Amino acid sequence: MIKHIYLIRHGETVFNSEGKIQGGGLDSPLTENGVNQAKLLSEYLKLNSFEVDLIFSSPIERALQTARIVTSHLGKEIHLDPSLKEINCGEYEGRLIESIEKEKLRKLRIDPFEKYPSGECLDDVKRRAETFIKKLKDRKEESVLIFSHGNFLRAFASAATGSSAGLAMRIYLENTGFSYLFKSGDFFRIFLWNSTSHISPLPRKLQI
């Protein structure tokens, strides 16, 4: 039974650096900085003798590339699961964030039931996460490492802790942010969230 869950968001992508929306329907490659972030995290985990029983990744290339770099020293198979894909941003995929109507953008950032046009809402993603968590209950392994995307991993945290989707609107996750949840009773508890110690000893000031 899975008792320990480790989460990693993919490295910085071209769309991240350009301020464009990327969801489950559109991919963007890692930048040089994104590759370096993944390499630094790999070295950090190696120095701390990190080991895990099972590795899963979103099939979207930016997450899978990050997974391959970070776990290169572990020599374990990376299992792909489509339920780990990023939120479907529908008609907004590939658009500049600043081009989105401000009121619509505000709703998307505060309301987990606000859908992207022809896409998903965060509560939809949470339900996908719940389905994936149910799959983990049948595993014999004790620990799992999951590579995915910002919105999905925030929704995953709300599902794993038995919280509402509203929790996902109140937590942030940086590129290659590392998180750890442990089993406690019927749910998981967040022990560590969005650690970026492999990049910088202190969190950077966000421009939102």
Protein backbone atom coordinates (compact mmCIF):
# COMPACT_ATOMS: atom_id res chain seq x y z
CA MET A 1 0.00 0.00 0.00
CA ILE A 2 1.28 3.44 -0.90
CA LYS A 3 2.25 5.37 2.24
CA HIS A 4 4.56 8.02 0.76
CA ILE A 5 3.82 10.24 -2.26
CA TYR A 6 6.38 12.57 -3.82
CA LEU A 7 5.28 15.17 -6.37
CA ILE A 8 7.37 17.09 -8.90
CA ARG A 9 6.20 19.71 -11.37
CA HIS A 10 7.94 19.83 -14.76
CA GLY A 11 10.78 22.26 -15.47
CA GLU A 12 10.33 25.66 -17.06
CA THR A 13 9.03 25.55 -20.64
CA VAL A 14 9.12 27.98 -23.54
CA PHE A 15 5.46 28.84 -22.92
CA ASN A 16 6.18 29.43 -19.21
CA SER A 17 8.92 31.91 -20.13
CA GLU A 18 6.67 33.63 -22.68
CA GLY A 19 3.64 33.93 -20.39
CA LYS A 20 1.49 31.63 -22.52
CA ILE A 21 -1.17 29.19 -21.37
CA GLN A 22 -0.28 25.52 -21.72
CA GLY A 23 -2.68 22.82 -20.67
CA GLY A 24 -3.31 19.19 -21.40
CA GLY A 25 -3.95 19.76 -25.09
CA LEU A 26 -0.79 21.61 -26.07
CA ASP A 27 2.86 20.94 -25.24
CA SER A 28 5.86 23.24 -25.03
CA PRO A 29 9.48 22.06 -24.71
CA LEU A 30 11.69 22.69 -21.70
CA THR A 31 13.90 25.74 -21.93
CA GLU A 32 17.62 25.51 -21.18
CA ASN A 33 16.75 26.80 -17.73
CA GLY A 34 14.07 24.11 -17.36
CA VAL A 35 16.56 21.37 -18.23
CA ASN A 36 19.01 22.83 -15.73
CA GLN A 37 16.32 22.92 -13.02
CA ALA A 38 15.69 19.21 -13.58
CA LYS A 39 19.42 18.41 -13.49
CA LEU A 40 19.86 20.33 -10.24
CA LEU A 41 16.94 18.48 -8.67
CA SER A 42 18.40 15.16 -9.82
CA GLU A 43 21.72 16.01 -8.16
CA TYR A 44 19.94 17.20 -5.02
CA LEU A 45 17.99 13.94 -4.69
CA LYS A 46 21.11 11.91 -5.39
CA LEU A 47 23.08 13.75 -2.69
CA ASN A 48 20.26 13.08 -0.23
CA SER A 49 20.15 9.35 -1.12
CA PHE A 50 16.56 9.63 -2.32
CA GLU A 51 14.94 6.33 -3.28
CA VAL A 52 11.42 5.44 -4.35
CA ASP A 53 9.59 2.24 -5.28
CA LEU A 54 7.48 3.48 -8.19
CA ILE A 55 7.58 6.33 -10.72
CA PHE A 56 4.65 7.75 -12.70
CA SER A 57 4.56 10.61 -15.20
CA SER A 58 2.10 12.51 -17.30
CA PRO A 59 2.57 11.45 -20.93
CA ILE A 60 2.98 15.09 -21.99
CA GLU A 61 6.59 15.55 -23.08
CA ARG A 62 7.50 18.45 -20.77
CA ALA A 63 6.68 16.30 -17.73
CA LEU A 64 8.20 13.13 -19.17
CA GLN A 65 11.43 14.89 -20.14
CA THR A 66 11.68 16.26 -16.61
CA ALA A 67 11.07 12.78 -15.21
CA ARG A 68 13.79 11.23 -17.36
CA ILE A 69 16.36 13.82 -16.28
CA VAL A 70 15.49 13.82 -12.58
CA THR A 71 15.38 10.02 -12.21
CA SER A 72 18.28 9.15 -14.52
CA HIS A 73 20.34 7.91 -11.56
CA LEU A 74 17.57 5.70 -10.16
CA GLY A 75 17.38 3.23 -13.06
CA LYS A 76 13.64 2.67 -12.70
CA GLU A 77 10.87 2.41 -15.27
CA ILE A 78 8.70 5.49 -15.71
CA HIS A 79 5.03 4.53 -15.98
CA LEU A 80 2.79 6.84 -18.03
CA ASP A 81 -0.79 7.60 -17.07
CA PRO A 82 -3.07 9.97 -19.04
CA SER A 83 -4.98 10.93 -15.91
CA LEU A 84 -1.87 12.88 -14.81
CA LYS A 85 -2.20 15.34 -17.73
CA GLU A 86 -2.55 19.06 -17.11
CA ILE A 87 -5.93 20.74 -17.00
CA ASN A 88 -7.49 21.08 -20.46
CA CYS A 89 -7.45 24.81 -21.17
CA GLY A 90 -9.63 24.43 -24.27
CA GLU A 91 -9.75 27.53 -26.47
CA TYR A 92 -7.15 29.29 -24.30
CA GLU A 93 -4.33 26.84 -25.08
CA GLY A 94 -1.32 28.72 -26.45
CA ARG A 95 -2.73 32.18 -25.78
CA LEU A 96 -0.84 34.85 -23.87
CA ILE A 97 -2.16 35.11 -20.32
CA GLU A 98 -2.36 38.89 -20.67
CA SER A 99 -4.70 38.49 -23.66
CA ILE A 100 -7.40 36.80 -21.55
CA GLU A 101 -10.28 38.99 -20.39
CA LYS A 102 -9.42 40.04 -16.82
CA GLU A 103 -12.70 39.04 -15.20
CA LYS A 104 -12.57 35.57 -16.78
CA LEU A 105 -8.97 35.14 -15.64
CA ARG A 106 -9.92 36.21 -12.11
CA LYS A 107 -12.70 33.61 -11.98
CA LEU A 108 -10.38 30.87 -13.25
CA ARG A 109 -7.95 31.72 -10.44
CA ILE A 110 -10.47 31.78 -7.58
CA ASP A 111 -13.30 29.42 -8.57
CA PRO A 112 -12.51 25.68 -8.93
CA PHE A 113 -15.80 25.21 -10.83
CA GLU A 114 -15.05 27.86 -13.48
CA LYS A 115 -14.34 26.05 -16.75
CA TYR A 116 -11.95 27.05 -19.51
CA PRO A 117 -13.97 27.54 -22.73
CA SER A 118 -14.32 24.05 -24.26
CA GLY A 119 -12.05 22.78 -21.49
CA GLU A 120 -11.99 21.69 -17.85
CA CYS A 121 -12.30 23.31 -14.46
CA LEU A 122 -10.07 22.52 -11.50
CA ASP A 123 -12.76 20.37 -9.91
CA ASP A 124 -12.73 18.19 -13.05
CA VAL A 125 -8.99 17.74 -12.56
CA LYS A 126 -9.50 16.88 -8.91
CA ARG A 127 -11.86 14.08 -9.92
CA ARG A 128 -9.18 12.74 -12.28
CA ALA A 129 -6.73 12.85 -9.38
CA GLU A 130 -9.17 10.94 -7.17
CA THR A 131 -9.41 8.21 -9.83
CA PHE A 132 -5.62 7.92 -9.95
CA ILE A 133 -5.36 7.76 -6.15
CA LYS A 134 -7.83 4.85 -6.15
CA LYS A 135 -5.48 3.00 -8.53
CA LEU A 136 -2.64 3.46 -6.05
CA LYS A 137 -4.59 1.63 -3.33
CA ASP A 138 -4.06 -1.66 -5.18
CA ARG A 139 -0.28 -1.26 -5.37
CA LYS A 140 2.04 -3.34 -3.19
CA GLU A 141 4.75 -0.66 -3.19
CA GLU A 142 5.08 1.84 -0.32
CA SER A 143 6.31 4.96 -2.14
CA VAL A 144 5.56 6.68 -5.43
CA LEU A 145 7.07 9.64 -7.29
CA ILE A 146 4.73 11.52 -9.64
CA PHE A 147 5.76 13.98 -12.36
CA SER A 148 3.00 16.20 -13.59
CA HIS A 149 1.81 19.80 -13.96
CA GLY A 150 0.98 22.74 -11.74
CA ASN A 151 -2.80 22.62 -11.84
CA PHE A 152 -2.97 18.84 -11.71
CA LEU A 153 -0.61 18.55 -8.73
CA ARG A 154 -2.47 21.21 -6.77
CA ALA A 155 -5.73 19.39 -7.46
CA PHE A 156 -4.01 16.12 -6.52
CA ALA A 157 -3.05 17.58 -3.15
CA SER A 158 -6.66 18.55 -2.45
CA ALA A 159 -7.86 15.06 -3.42
CA ALA A 160 -5.20 13.19 -1.45
CA THR A 161 -5.84 15.21 1.72
CA GLY A 162 -9.63 14.89 1.47
CA SER A 163 -9.97 18.65 1.03
CA SER A 164 -12.21 20.63 -1.27
CA ALA A 165 -10.95 21.78 -4.66
CA GLY A 166 -10.71 25.21 -3.08
CA LEU A 167 -7.42 24.18 -1.48
CA ALA A 168 -5.88 23.93 -4.95
CA MET A 169 -6.68 27.61 -5.52
CA ARG A 170 -4.71 28.63 -2.43
CA ILE A 171 -1.40 26.83 -2.94
CA TYR A 172 1.33 27.51 -5.49
CA LEU A 173 3.83 25.25 -7.22
CA GLU A 174 6.95 26.39 -9.07
CA ASN A 175 8.74 24.62 -11.90
CA THR A 176 10.44 21.50 -10.44
CA GLY A 177 8.88 22.27 -7.06
CA PHE A 178 9.21 19.14 -4.89
CA SER A 179 6.48 18.04 -2.46
CA TYR A 180 5.94 15.16 -0.06
CA LEU A 181 2.70 13.69 1.35
CA PHE A 182 2.44 10.83 3.83
CA LYS A 183 -0.42 8.50 4.70
CA SER A 184 -2.25 9.25 7.94
CA GLY A 185 -5.50 7.38 8.55
CA ASP A 186 -7.88 7.62 5.61
CA PHE A 187 -6.04 10.50 3.94
CA PHE A 188 -2.60 11.89 3.20
CA ARG A 189 -1.05 14.86 4.98
CA ILE A 190 1.20 17.46 3.34
CA PHE A 191 4.59 17.37 5.05
CA LEU A 192 6.55 19.38 2.46
CA TRP A 193 5.23 21.60 -0.33
CA ASN A 194 6.96 23.30 -3.28
CA SER A 195 10.53 22.89 -2.05
CA THR A 196 12.96 24.55 -4.46
CA SER A 197 16.08 24.12 -2.32
CA HIS A 198 17.84 22.58 -5.31
CA ILE A 199 17.55 25.92 -7.12
CA SER A 200 17.70 28.48 -4.34
CA PRO A 201 17.87 28.28 -0.52
CA LEU A 202 15.06 30.83 -0.26
CA PRO A 203 11.81 31.12 -2.26
CA ARG A 204 11.85 33.88 -4.87
CA LYS A 205 9.45 36.80 -4.71
CA LEU A 206 6.60 36.13 -7.12
CA GLN A 207 5.29 38.65 -9.61
CA ILE A 208 1.58 37.86 -9.91
